[in-house]
Amino acid sequence: MHIQGLSHHTESASVSVAEWQLEPTQHWGIFSTHSHAATLLVRIFSGELTPEKGQIEGLPQRIACISLHEQQRLLDLELEKDETDFADSIDYGTTVETLVLEAGCSAETLELLLEKADLRHLRHRGFRQLSTGETRRVMLARALAANPELLILDEPYAGLDVRHRQTLSELLQELSAQMQILIVTSREDELPDFISHVALFDETSLSQTLTRAQWLSHPVMAQMKALSAQKSDAMLALLQAHQSKHVYPNPLVEMREVSVAYVGATIFTGVNWQIEQGQHWQIRGPNGCGKSTLLGLILGDHPQCYSNDITVLGMKRGSGETIWDVKKHIGVVSSALHLQYRVGCQALDVLLSGFYDSIGLYQQPSKREVQLAREWLNLLEMSALEKVSFRALDYGQQRLLLIGRALIKQPALLILDEPYQGLDFLNRKLVFQALNRIASAGLSQLLYVTHHEEDTLDAIQNVVDFEPDPAGGYRIQLRAAPAVK
């Protein structure tokens, strides 16, 4: 495949490639330090976008793509087909096995793909019932159902737990003997051993092509880490300049004998958990174990929060409080929120919506709120995108705005469920360092979910572990350190 003189731009991103030769026997890693150029290139490779200039010669006929962008697009299609309002039961979406069959495989191949993606036990589950990691595995099976000659994976490990990341690496190693593979990643440790070359993108352009050996000794990582530390200083300064004056009750959250179960399935039982003043908690467990369900009980987004004994910020669930009484003191970043944020409001309005806990902006903000939102846009280097529609932004830009939306009001509780998905290397390091400093300074209390050991925050000393229960479902183990005084 030969690329020459290629350029394309959208409202939110640009990409250009002067010249790039990809031999059929080469497998490439594509690394963006601080841009969304690589993701834009993926959309061109997949045929979704036609480049404004340049040409690509030798592009294979059968190309499959796995990306957060494609995952979001599939959810949009599923929501359009939602018939809950016209039926006597909840429509959870197309089943896993139907989604894979629709991608073009035979019934015989279906069984093999469900096995490879660890989806057999989920085959009859509706798409909207899946966790983030389970959804990613569905995207993998759909891509392989197309029997591609070129497989493009944009952040393929995002949302996968440790076991499934290892399984995916083994599967990709096997597939590398059958097809050409391109992997876009912002994590330096997520390039499998079979990757022979690396394409390095700066803000808009392909800046270097390297062999794997050259990449491993490249100084760009140290440079980006230093820059992210400087930017995290600026973020902390902005937060401290507008520090919240609220006084909250202790404990912030209290659960007593909490259980969640569906027909024929117990998720977890007997949870007794207090979040004391000064405590930050990391929540760990495999895909589908119930981490997001536990957080949904605190947020009030899960219907069974009202059938359990749960008190949040001094307000007992079901005692007459509204969901907004609680949410105005909570900031949240999650894949579920990202997928729900389907409105076309401008980038500035996304940040402003954080003051009102709304998806979109439906109230008149104050001058102070508008000024603060603009300060956040400047900090996130998105001032030029102030009036661009959220839907027109790259997935990573959207995620960065949602992080700003959660932080802007300095909430009592900051719920972060896999917050780094879609972020480039620089912004991932920026957010990581900023969260550690927010926790250390006690500006908010964190409830934090990540599947990556490298993302563990030093400031978090308390852990919720989901462990398999022989009786079914999961048992929750609380490992608490003394609260910070």
Protein backbone atom coordinates (compact mmCIF):
# COMPACT_ATOMS: atom_id res chain seq x y z
CA MET A 1 0.00 0.00 0.00
CA HIS A 2 1.42 3.39 -1.01
CA ILE A 3 0.11 6.74 0.28
CA GLN A 4 1.21 9.97 -1.36
CA GLY A 5 0.22 13.62 -0.89
CA LEU A 6 -2.77 12.74 1.27
CA SER A 7 -4.55 15.44 3.26
CA HIS A 8 -7.96 15.82 4.81
CA HIS A 9 -9.52 18.02 7.45
CA THR A 10 -12.78 18.24 9.37
CA GLU A 11 -14.12 20.87 11.75
CA SER A 12 -12.11 19.34 14.58
CA ALA A 13 -9.05 17.58 13.15
CA SER A 14 -6.62 17.41 10.23
CA VAL A 15 -4.31 14.76 8.81
CA SER A 16 -1.61 14.85 6.16
CA VAL A 17 0.80 12.23 4.86
CA ALA A 18 3.50 13.28 2.39
CA GLU A 19 4.50 9.70 1.59
CA TRP A 20 4.15 6.34 3.32
CA GLN A 21 4.91 2.87 1.98
CA LEU A 22 3.36 -0.11 3.79
CA GLU A 23 4.57 -3.45 2.48
CA PRO A 24 2.12 -6.39 2.69
CA THR A 25 4.45 -8.28 5.04
CA GLN A 26 4.68 -5.38 7.49
CA HIS A 27 2.45 -4.88 10.54
CA TRP A 28 2.29 -1.28 11.72
CA GLY A 29 1.70 0.46 15.00
CA ILE A 30 0.32 3.98 14.63
CA PHE A 31 1.09 6.29 17.53
CA SER A 32 -0.27 9.82 18.04
CA THR A 33 1.45 11.86 20.71
CA HIS A 34 -0.99 14.75 20.78
CA SER A 35 -3.54 14.69 17.99
CA HIS A 36 -6.47 12.92 16.43
CA ALA A 37 -4.81 12.66 13.02
CA ALA A 38 -4.38 8.89 13.25
CA THR A 39 -8.06 8.32 14.05
CA LEU A 40 -9.00 10.46 11.05
CA LEU A 41 -6.69 8.33 8.92
CA VAL A 42 -8.44 5.18 10.13
CA ARG A 43 -11.76 6.57 8.90
CA ILE A 44 -10.16 7.18 5.49
CA PHE A 45 -8.70 3.66 5.34
CA SER A 46 -12.07 2.14 6.25
CA GLY A 47 -13.82 4.02 3.43
CA GLU A 48 -15.97 6.18 5.70
CA LEU A 49 -14.19 9.34 4.50
CA THR A 50 -12.77 10.25 1.07
CA PRO A 51 -9.57 12.31 1.36
CA GLU A 52 -9.66 15.82 -0.06
CA LYS A 53 -6.23 15.40 -1.68
CA GLY A 54 -3.77 12.65 -2.48
CA GLN A 55 -4.10 9.00 -3.26
CA ILE A 56 -3.83 5.58 -1.68
CA GLU A 57 -2.65 2.85 -4.02
CA GLY A 58 -2.93 -0.85 -3.28
CA LEU A 59 -5.57 -0.56 -0.56
CA PRO A 60 -6.99 -4.08 0.02
CA GLN A 61 -10.60 -4.73 -0.96
CA ARG A 62 -11.63 -6.35 2.34
CA ILE A 63 -10.88 -4.05 5.26
CA ALA A 64 -12.29 -4.35 8.78
CA CYS A 65 -12.02 -1.71 11.45
CA ILE A 66 -12.48 -1.81 15.23
CA SER A 67 -12.65 1.58 16.93
CA LEU A 68 -14.47 3.51 19.64
CA HIS A 69 -15.95 5.59 16.82
CA GLU A 70 -17.41 2.47 15.16
CA GLN A 71 -18.69 1.24 18.52
CA GLN A 72 -20.50 4.54 19.06
CA ARG A 73 -21.96 4.38 15.55
CA LEU A 74 -23.31 0.87 16.16
CA LEU A 75 -24.97 2.03 19.37
CA ASP A 76 -26.63 4.90 17.49
CA LEU A 77 -28.07 2.37 15.03
CA GLU A 78 -29.29 0.20 17.90
CA LEU A 79 -30.99 3.15 19.59
CA GLU A 80 -32.77 4.00 16.35
CA LYS A 81 -34.25 0.47 16.35
CA ASP A 82 -35.30 0.62 20.04
CA GLU A 83 -38.95 -0.53 20.26
CA THR A 84 -39.36 -0.31 24.04
CA ASP A 85 -42.01 2.41 23.71
CA PHE A 86 -44.11 0.15 21.45
CA ALA A 87 -43.72 -3.16 23.30
CA ASP A 88 -44.72 -4.71 26.62
CA SER A 89 -41.08 -5.36 27.57
CA ILE A 90 -37.75 -3.55 27.46
CA ASP A 91 -35.92 -3.79 24.14
CA TYR A 92 -32.28 -4.49 25.00
CA GLY A 93 -31.18 -4.39 21.38
CA THR A 94 -29.97 -6.90 18.82
CA THR A 95 -28.48 -10.05 20.31
CA VAL A 96 -24.76 -10.73 20.17
CA GLU A 97 -25.06 -13.68 17.81
CA THR A 98 -27.30 -11.73 15.40
CA LEU A 99 -24.86 -8.81 15.35
CA VAL A 100 -22.03 -11.15 14.40
CA LEU A 101 -24.10 -12.97 11.77
CA GLU A 102 -25.14 -9.63 10.25
CA ALA A 103 -21.46 -8.83 9.69
CA GLY A 104 -21.31 -11.58 7.06
CA CYS A 105 -20.24 -14.90 8.57
CA SER A 106 -21.84 -18.33 8.26
CA ALA A 107 -23.52 -20.17 11.12
CA GLU A 108 -20.49 -22.48 11.31
CA THR A 109 -18.03 -19.59 11.47
CA LEU A 110 -20.24 -17.89 14.08
CA GLU A 111 -19.43 -20.54 16.66
CA LEU A 112 -15.70 -20.15 16.09
CA LEU A 113 -15.88 -16.36 16.38
CA LEU A 114 -17.98 -16.49 19.54
CA GLU A 115 -15.38 -18.82 21.01
CA LYS A 116 -12.41 -16.65 19.99
CA ALA A 117 -14.01 -13.49 21.39
CA ASP A 118 -15.29 -15.23 24.56
CA LEU A 119 -18.90 -14.43 23.71
CA ARG A 120 -20.65 -17.81 23.82
CA HIS A 121 -22.17 -17.17 27.25
CA LEU A 122 -23.41 -13.79 25.98
CA ARG A 123 -24.80 -14.93 22.62
CA HIS A 124 -28.43 -14.17 23.54
CA ARG A 125 -27.64 -10.94 25.41
CA GLY A 126 -28.91 -7.69 23.90
CA PHE A 127 -26.30 -5.16 22.77
CA ARG A 128 -27.35 -2.54 25.34
CA GLN A 129 -27.00 -5.06 28.18
CA LEU A 130 -23.27 -5.45 27.56
CA SER A 131 -20.44 -3.89 29.52
CA THR A 132 -17.85 -1.77 27.71
CA GLY A 133 -15.38 -4.65 27.53
CA GLU A 134 -18.03 -7.08 26.29
CA THR A 135 -19.05 -4.59 23.60
CA ARG A 136 -15.44 -4.34 22.44
CA ARG A 137 -15.33 -8.12 22.00
CA VAL A 138 -18.49 -7.98 19.89
CA MET A 139 -16.79 -5.41 17.67
CA LEU A 140 -13.83 -7.78 17.28
CA ALA A 141 -16.05 -10.71 16.28
CA ARG A 142 -17.92 -8.54 13.75
CA ALA A 143 -14.64 -7.39 12.22
CA LEU A 144 -13.34 -10.94 11.84
CA ALA A 145 -16.67 -12.05 10.36
CA ALA A 146 -15.81 -9.94 7.31
CA ASN A 147 -12.71 -12.12 6.67
CA PRO A 148 -10.52 -9.04 6.12
CA GLU A 149 -7.23 -8.76 4.29
CA LEU A 150 -6.41 -5.67 6.37
CA LEU A 151 -7.47 -5.41 10.01
CA ILE A 152 -7.32 -1.93 11.59
CA LEU A 153 -7.64 -1.68 15.35
CA ASP A 154 -7.98 1.78 16.94
CA GLU A 155 -7.31 1.42 20.69
CA PRO A 156 -8.24 -2.30 20.62
CA TYR A 157 -7.51 -2.91 24.33
CA ALA A 158 -9.75 -0.08 25.59
CA GLY A 159 -12.21 -1.35 28.19
CA LEU A 160 -10.83 -4.90 28.29
CA ASP A 161 -9.87 -6.47 31.61
CA VAL A 162 -6.45 -8.08 32.15
CA ARG A 163 -7.52 -11.57 31.04
CA HIS A 164 -9.17 -10.40 27.84
CA ARG A 165 -6.25 -8.12 26.94
CA GLN A 166 -3.99 -11.17 27.13
CA THR A 167 -6.45 -13.23 25.07
CA LEU A 168 -6.64 -10.48 22.45
CA SER A 169 -2.84 -10.31 22.19
CA GLU A 170 -2.68 -14.06 21.59
CA LEU A 171 -5.45 -13.87 18.98
CA LEU A 172 -3.78 -10.98 17.14
CA GLN A 173 -0.51 -12.90 17.10
CA GLU A 174 -2.37 -15.76 15.40
CA LEU A 175 -4.12 -13.43 12.94
CA SER A 176 -0.87 -11.71 11.98
CA ALA A 177 0.03 -14.79 9.93
CA GLN A 178 -3.23 -14.47 7.97
CA MET A 179 -3.70 -10.75 7.34
CA GLN A 180 -2.01 -7.37 7.61
CA ILE A 181 -2.66 -5.56 10.88
CA LEU A 182 -2.53 -1.86 11.79
CA ILE A 183 -2.87 -0.92 15.47
CA VAL A 184 -3.52 2.66 16.62
CA THR A 185 -2.67 3.16 20.27
CA SER A 186 -1.80 5.85 22.80
CA ARG A 187 -0.14 3.35 25.15
CA GLU A 188 3.48 2.47 24.49
CA ASP A 189 3.07 -1.04 25.95
CA GLU A 190 0.16 -2.01 23.66
CA LEU A 191 2.14 -2.83 20.52
CA PRO A 192 2.26 -6.65 20.22
CA ASP A 193 5.53 -8.39 19.40
CA PHE A 194 4.58 -8.96 15.75
CA ILE A 195 4.43 -5.18 15.05
CA SER A 196 7.44 -4.52 12.82
CA HIS A 197 7.14 -0.77 12.19
CA VAL A 198 5.73 2.34 13.86
CA ALA A 199 4.26 5.46 12.25
CA LEU A 200 4.56 8.49 14.54
CA PHE A 201 2.04 11.34 14.12
CA ASP A 202 2.40 14.83 15.56
CA GLU A 203 -0.51 17.30 15.78
CA THR A 204 -1.58 16.87 12.15
CA SER A 205 1.00 14.93 10.16
CA LEU A 206 2.92 11.73 9.80
CA SER A 207 6.28 12.90 11.17
CA GLN A 208 8.36 9.71 11.20
CA THR A 209 8.29 6.06 10.24
CA LEU A 210 10.47 3.82 12.37
CA THR A 211 11.41 0.19 12.77
CA ARG A 212 10.34 -1.38 16.04
CA ALA A 213 13.91 -1.18 17.38
CA GLN A 214 14.10 2.54 16.57
CA TRP A 215 10.76 3.14 18.26
CA LEU A 216 11.78 1.48 21.52
CA SER A 217 14.63 3.98 21.97
CA HIS A 218 12.72 7.07 20.79
CA PRO A 219 12.78 10.08 23.20
CA VAL A 220 9.23 11.26 22.45
CA MET A 221 7.72 9.56 25.54
CA ALA A 222 9.92 11.45 27.99
CA GLN A 223 9.17 14.71 26.18
CA MET A 224 5.41 14.15 26.34
CA LYS A 225 5.51 13.17 30.03
CA ALA A 226 7.34 16.40 30.88
CA LEU A 227 4.82 18.46 28.91
CA SER A 228 1.86 16.72 30.57
CA ALA A 229 3.31 17.52 34.01
CA GLN A 230 3.38 21.22 33.11
CA LYS A 231 -0.23 21.09 31.90
CA SER A 232 -1.39 19.28 35.06
CA ASP A 233 0.09 22.15 37.11
CA ALA A 234 -2.13 24.54 35.16
CA MET A 235 -5.21 22.34 35.67
CA LEU A 236 -4.65 22.13 39.43
CA ALA A 237 -4.15 25.90 39.60
CA LEU A 238 -7.47 26.46 37.79
CA LEU A 239 -9.29 24.11 40.17
CA GLN A 240 -7.77 25.73 43.26
CA ALA A 241 -8.68 29.20 41.99
CA HIS A 242 -12.36 28.19 41.95
CA GLN A 243 -12.41 25.82 44.90
CA SER A 244 -15.80 24.57 46.10
CA LYS A 245 -17.08 25.91 49.45
CA HIS A 246 -19.60 23.12 50.12
CA VAL A 247 -19.56 21.17 53.38
CA TYR A 248 -20.67 17.56 53.02
CA PRO A 249 -21.86 15.01 55.61
CA ASN A 250 -19.73 12.12 56.80
CA PRO A 251 -19.92 9.44 55.44
CA LEU A 252 -20.52 10.69 51.92
CA VAL A 253 -22.02 7.34 50.90
CA GLU A 254 -23.40 4.51 53.01
CA MET A 255 -24.71 1.15 51.73
CA ARG A 256 -26.31 -1.41 54.05
CA GLU A 257 -26.83 -5.02 52.89
CA VAL A 258 -27.17 -3.90 49.29
CA SER A 259 -27.97 -6.50 46.64
CA VAL A 260 -28.67 -6.40 42.92
CA ALA A 261 -30.28 -9.28 41.04
CA TYR A 262 -32.14 -9.80 37.79
CA VAL A 263 -34.40 -12.68 36.79
CA GLY A 264 -32.20 -15.77 37.05
CA ALA A 265 -29.00 -13.85 37.80
CA THR A 266 -27.50 -12.42 40.98
CA ILE A 267 -24.97 -9.64 40.39
CA PHE A 268 -23.82 -9.11 43.99
CA THR A 269 -25.27 -9.38 47.49
CA GLY A 270 -24.69 -8.17 51.03
CA VAL A 271 -22.65 -5.03 50.29
CA ASN A 272 -21.93 -2.89 53.35
CA TRP A 273 -19.80 0.05 52.28
CA GLN A 274 -19.09 3.46 53.72
CA ILE A 275 -17.18 6.18 51.89
CA GLU A 276 -15.76 8.35 54.64
CA GLN A 277 -14.57 11.93 54.35
CA GLY A 278 -11.12 12.01 52.74
CA GLN A 279 -11.31 8.51 51.22
CA HIS A 280 -10.69 7.69 47.55
CA TRP A 281 -11.56 4.22 46.22
CA GLN A 282 -10.41 2.18 43.25
CA ILE A 283 -12.93 -0.39 42.01
CA ARG A 284 -11.48 -3.51 40.39
CA GLY A 285 -12.95 -6.55 38.70
CA PRO A 286 -13.40 -8.32 35.36
CA ASN A 287 -15.65 -7.19 32.51
CA GLY A 288 -19.33 -7.65 33.33
CA CYS A 289 -18.89 -8.21 37.07
CA GLY A 290 -21.03 -5.24 38.14
CA LYS A 291 -18.62 -2.32 38.66
CA SER A 292 -20.78 0.08 36.65
CA THR A 293 -23.88 -1.26 38.41
CA LEU A 294 -22.36 -0.42 41.80
CA LEU A 295 -21.58 3.11 40.63
CA GLY A 296 -25.08 3.43 39.13
CA LEU A 297 -26.58 2.78 42.58
CA ILE A 298 -24.69 5.80 43.93
CA LEU A 299 -25.62 8.00 40.97
CA GLY A 300 -29.26 6.95 41.10
CA ASP A 301 -29.15 5.72 37.50
CA HIS A 302 -29.89 2.11 38.46
CA PRO A 303 -33.55 1.30 39.28
CA GLN A 304 -32.66 -1.01 42.18
CA CYS A 305 -31.10 1.88 44.12
CA TYR A 306 -34.59 2.57 45.51
CA SER A 307 -35.14 -0.99 46.73
CA ASN A 308 -31.90 -0.91 48.74
CA ASP A 309 -30.71 0.92 51.84
CA ILE A 310 -28.44 3.58 50.33
CA THR A 311 -27.64 7.07 51.62
CA VAL A 312 -25.71 9.49 49.42
CA LEU A 313 -24.52 12.88 50.71
CA GLY A 314 -26.92 12.64 53.62
CA MET A 315 -29.92 11.84 51.43
CA LYS A 316 -31.50 8.41 51.77
CA ARG A 317 -32.63 6.94 48.46
CA GLY A 318 -36.41 6.89 48.22
CA SER A 319 -36.95 9.48 50.97
CA GLY A 320 -38.29 12.14 48.64
CA GLU A 321 -35.04 13.48 47.21
CA THR A 322 -34.81 13.98 43.47
CA ILE A 323 -32.05 12.39 41.44
CA TRP A 324 -30.81 15.95 40.72
CA ASP A 325 -30.45 16.77 44.43
CA VAL A 326 -27.70 14.17 44.52
CA LYS A 327 -26.22 14.53 41.04
CA LYS A 328 -25.43 18.21 41.43
CA HIS A 329 -22.68 17.19 43.86
CA ILE A 330 -21.31 14.35 41.71
CA GLY A 331 -19.15 14.49 38.59
CA VAL A 332 -19.03 11.48 36.31
CA VAL A 333 -16.98 10.24 33.35
CA SER A 334 -17.89 6.87 31.85
CA SER A 335 -18.43 5.08 28.57
CA ALA A 336 -22.16 4.96 29.35
CA LEU A 337 -22.35 8.75 29.72
CA HIS A 338 -20.24 9.21 26.58
CA LEU A 339 -22.59 7.02 24.56
CA GLN A 340 -25.66 8.80 26.00
CA TYR A 341 -24.28 12.25 25.19
CA ARG A 342 -25.76 12.22 21.69
CA VAL A 343 -26.85 15.86 21.45
CA GLY A 344 -25.40 18.29 18.92
CA CYS A 345 -24.60 21.14 21.32
CA GLN A 346 -21.40 23.16 20.98
CA ALA A 347 -18.15 22.29 22.76
CA LEU A 348 -18.50 25.23 25.15
CA ASP A 349 -22.03 24.11 26.08
CA VAL A 350 -20.77 20.63 26.94
CA LEU A 351 -18.55 22.14 29.65
CA LEU A 352 -21.35 24.43 30.84
CA SER A 353 -23.73 21.45 31.12
CA GLY A 354 -21.51 20.20 33.93
CA PHE A 355 -22.92 22.93 36.19
CA TYR A 356 -26.45 21.60 35.58
CA ASP A 357 -25.84 17.83 35.24
CA SER A 358 -27.65 17.80 31.92
CA ILE A 359 -26.91 16.17 28.59
CA GLY A 360 -26.87 19.34 26.54
CA LEU A 361 -27.47 22.86 27.86
CA TYR A 362 -31.04 23.98 28.57
CA GLN A 363 -30.47 26.82 31.06
CA GLN A 364 -28.95 30.28 30.72
CA PRO A 365 -25.46 30.12 32.26
CA SER A 366 -24.04 33.01 34.27
CA LYS A 367 -21.21 35.19 32.97
CA ARG A 368 -18.93 33.63 35.57
CA GLU A 369 -19.79 30.11 34.38
CA VAL A 370 -19.16 31.05 30.74
CA GLN A 371 -15.81 32.60 31.64
CA LEU A 372 -14.76 29.52 33.62
CA ALA A 373 -15.84 27.22 30.77
CA ARG A 374 -13.69 29.23 28.38
CA GLU A 375 -10.74 28.93 30.75
CA TRP A 376 -11.23 25.15 30.66
CA LEU A 377 -11.39 25.15 26.86
CA ASN A 378 -8.12 27.06 26.77
CA LEU A 379 -6.52 24.65 29.23
CA LEU A 380 -7.65 21.69 27.09
CA GLU A 381 -6.31 23.46 23.96
CA MET A 382 -9.80 23.44 22.43
CA SER A 383 -10.59 27.18 22.32
CA ALA A 384 -10.71 27.07 18.51
CA LEU A 385 -13.43 24.41 18.77
CA GLU A 386 -15.73 26.42 21.07
CA LYS A 387 -18.61 26.51 18.57
CA VAL A 388 -18.05 23.08 17.00
CA SER A 389 -20.80 20.53 17.58
CA PHE A 390 -19.98 17.78 20.07
CA ARG A 391 -21.05 15.18 17.50
CA ALA A 392 -18.55 16.60 14.97
CA LEU A 393 -15.60 16.13 17.33
CA ASP A 394 -13.27 13.15 17.38
CA TYR A 395 -14.05 10.55 20.07
CA GLY A 396 -10.95 11.55 22.06
CA GLN A 397 -11.87 15.24 21.94
CA GLN A 398 -15.36 14.34 23.13
CA ARG A 399 -13.93 12.36 26.04
CA LEU A 400 -11.64 15.24 27.04
CA LEU A 401 -14.62 17.62 27.10
CA LEU A 402 -16.60 15.18 29.27
CA ILE A 403 -13.69 15.05 31.73
CA GLY A 404 -13.71 18.85 31.86
CA ARG A 405 -17.51 18.73 32.31
CA ALA A 406 -17.09 16.50 35.37
CA LEU A 407 -14.33 18.60 36.94
CA ILE A 408 -15.64 22.11 36.28
CA LYS A 409 -17.96 22.22 39.29
CA GLN A 410 -15.49 20.50 41.67
CA PRO A 411 -17.96 17.88 42.91
CA ALA A 412 -17.90 16.13 46.27
CA LEU A 413 -17.64 12.79 44.47
CA LEU A 414 -15.86 12.26 41.16
CA ILE A 415 -16.88 8.97 39.53
CA LEU A 416 -14.39 7.91 36.86
CA ASP A 417 -15.21 4.68 35.03
CA GLU A 418 -12.34 4.00 32.57
CA PRO A 419 -11.87 7.77 32.02
CA TYR A 420 -8.94 7.62 29.57
CA GLN A 421 -10.66 5.87 26.66
CA GLY A 422 -9.91 7.60 23.37
CA LEU A 423 -7.36 10.07 24.77
CA ASP A 424 -4.04 10.57 23.00
CA PHE A 425 -0.79 9.97 24.90
CA LEU A 426 -0.32 13.56 26.11
CA ASN A 427 -3.88 14.05 27.34
CA ARG A 428 -3.97 10.62 28.99
CA LYS A 429 -0.86 11.51 30.98
CA LEU A 430 -2.28 14.98 31.71
CA VAL A 431 -5.55 13.62 33.10
CA PHE A 432 -3.75 10.86 35.02
CA GLN A 433 -1.43 13.31 36.76
CA ALA A 434 -4.23 15.80 37.38
CA LEU A 435 -6.47 13.18 39.00
CA ASN A 436 -3.67 12.08 41.29
CA ARG A 437 -3.14 15.66 42.39
CA ILE A 438 -6.88 16.34 42.80
CA ALA A 439 -7.09 13.32 45.09
CA SER A 440 -3.95 14.27 47.04
CA ALA A 441 -5.21 17.83 47.55
CA GLY A 442 -8.68 16.62 48.57
CA LEU A 443 -10.43 18.78 45.96
CA SER A 444 -12.86 15.92 45.24
CA GLN A 445 -13.17 12.33 46.41
CA LEU A 446 -12.58 9.77 43.67
CA LEU A 447 -14.35 6.53 42.83
CA TYR A 448 -12.05 5.20 40.12
CA VAL A 449 -12.26 2.26 37.72
CA THR A 450 -9.39 1.15 35.51
CA HIS A 451 -8.20 -2.18 34.12
CA HIS A 452 -4.62 -0.97 33.61
CA GLU A 453 -2.10 -1.44 36.41
CA GLU A 454 -0.11 1.54 35.12
CA ASP A 455 -3.14 3.78 35.71
CA THR A 456 -3.27 3.08 39.45
CA LEU A 457 -3.20 6.39 41.34
CA ASP A 458 -0.78 6.69 44.27
CA ALA A 459 -3.31 8.88 46.11
CA ILE A 460 -5.90 6.06 46.24
CA GLN A 461 -5.35 3.68 49.15
CA ASN A 462 -8.78 1.96 49.33
CA VAL A 463 -9.95 -0.81 47.03
CA VAL A 464 -13.25 -2.50 46.15
CA ASP A 465 -12.53 -5.92 44.64
CA PHE A 466 -15.16 -7.97 42.78
CA GLU A 467 -14.39 -11.65 43.30
CA PRO A 468 -16.36 -14.65 41.92
CA ASP A 469 -18.85 -16.10 44.39
CA PRO A 470 -19.24 -19.92 44.25
CA ALA A 471 -22.96 -19.42 44.87
CA GLY A 472 -23.27 -17.22 41.77
CA GLY A 473 -22.52 -13.65 40.86
CA TYR A 474 -19.72 -11.79 42.63
CA ARG A 475 -18.68 -11.15 46.18
CA ILE A 476 -17.41 -7.66 46.98
CA GLN A 477 -14.34 -7.34 49.18
CA LEU A 478 -13.59 -3.96 50.74
CA ARG A 479 -9.96 -3.17 51.57
CA ALA A 480 -9.97 0.18 53.32
CA ALA A 481 -7.06 2.23 54.62
CA PRO A 482 -7.66 4.82 57.37
CA ALA A 483 -9.35 7.96 56.09
CA VAL A 484 -7.10 10.96 55.49
CA LYS A 485 -7.62 13.60 58.21
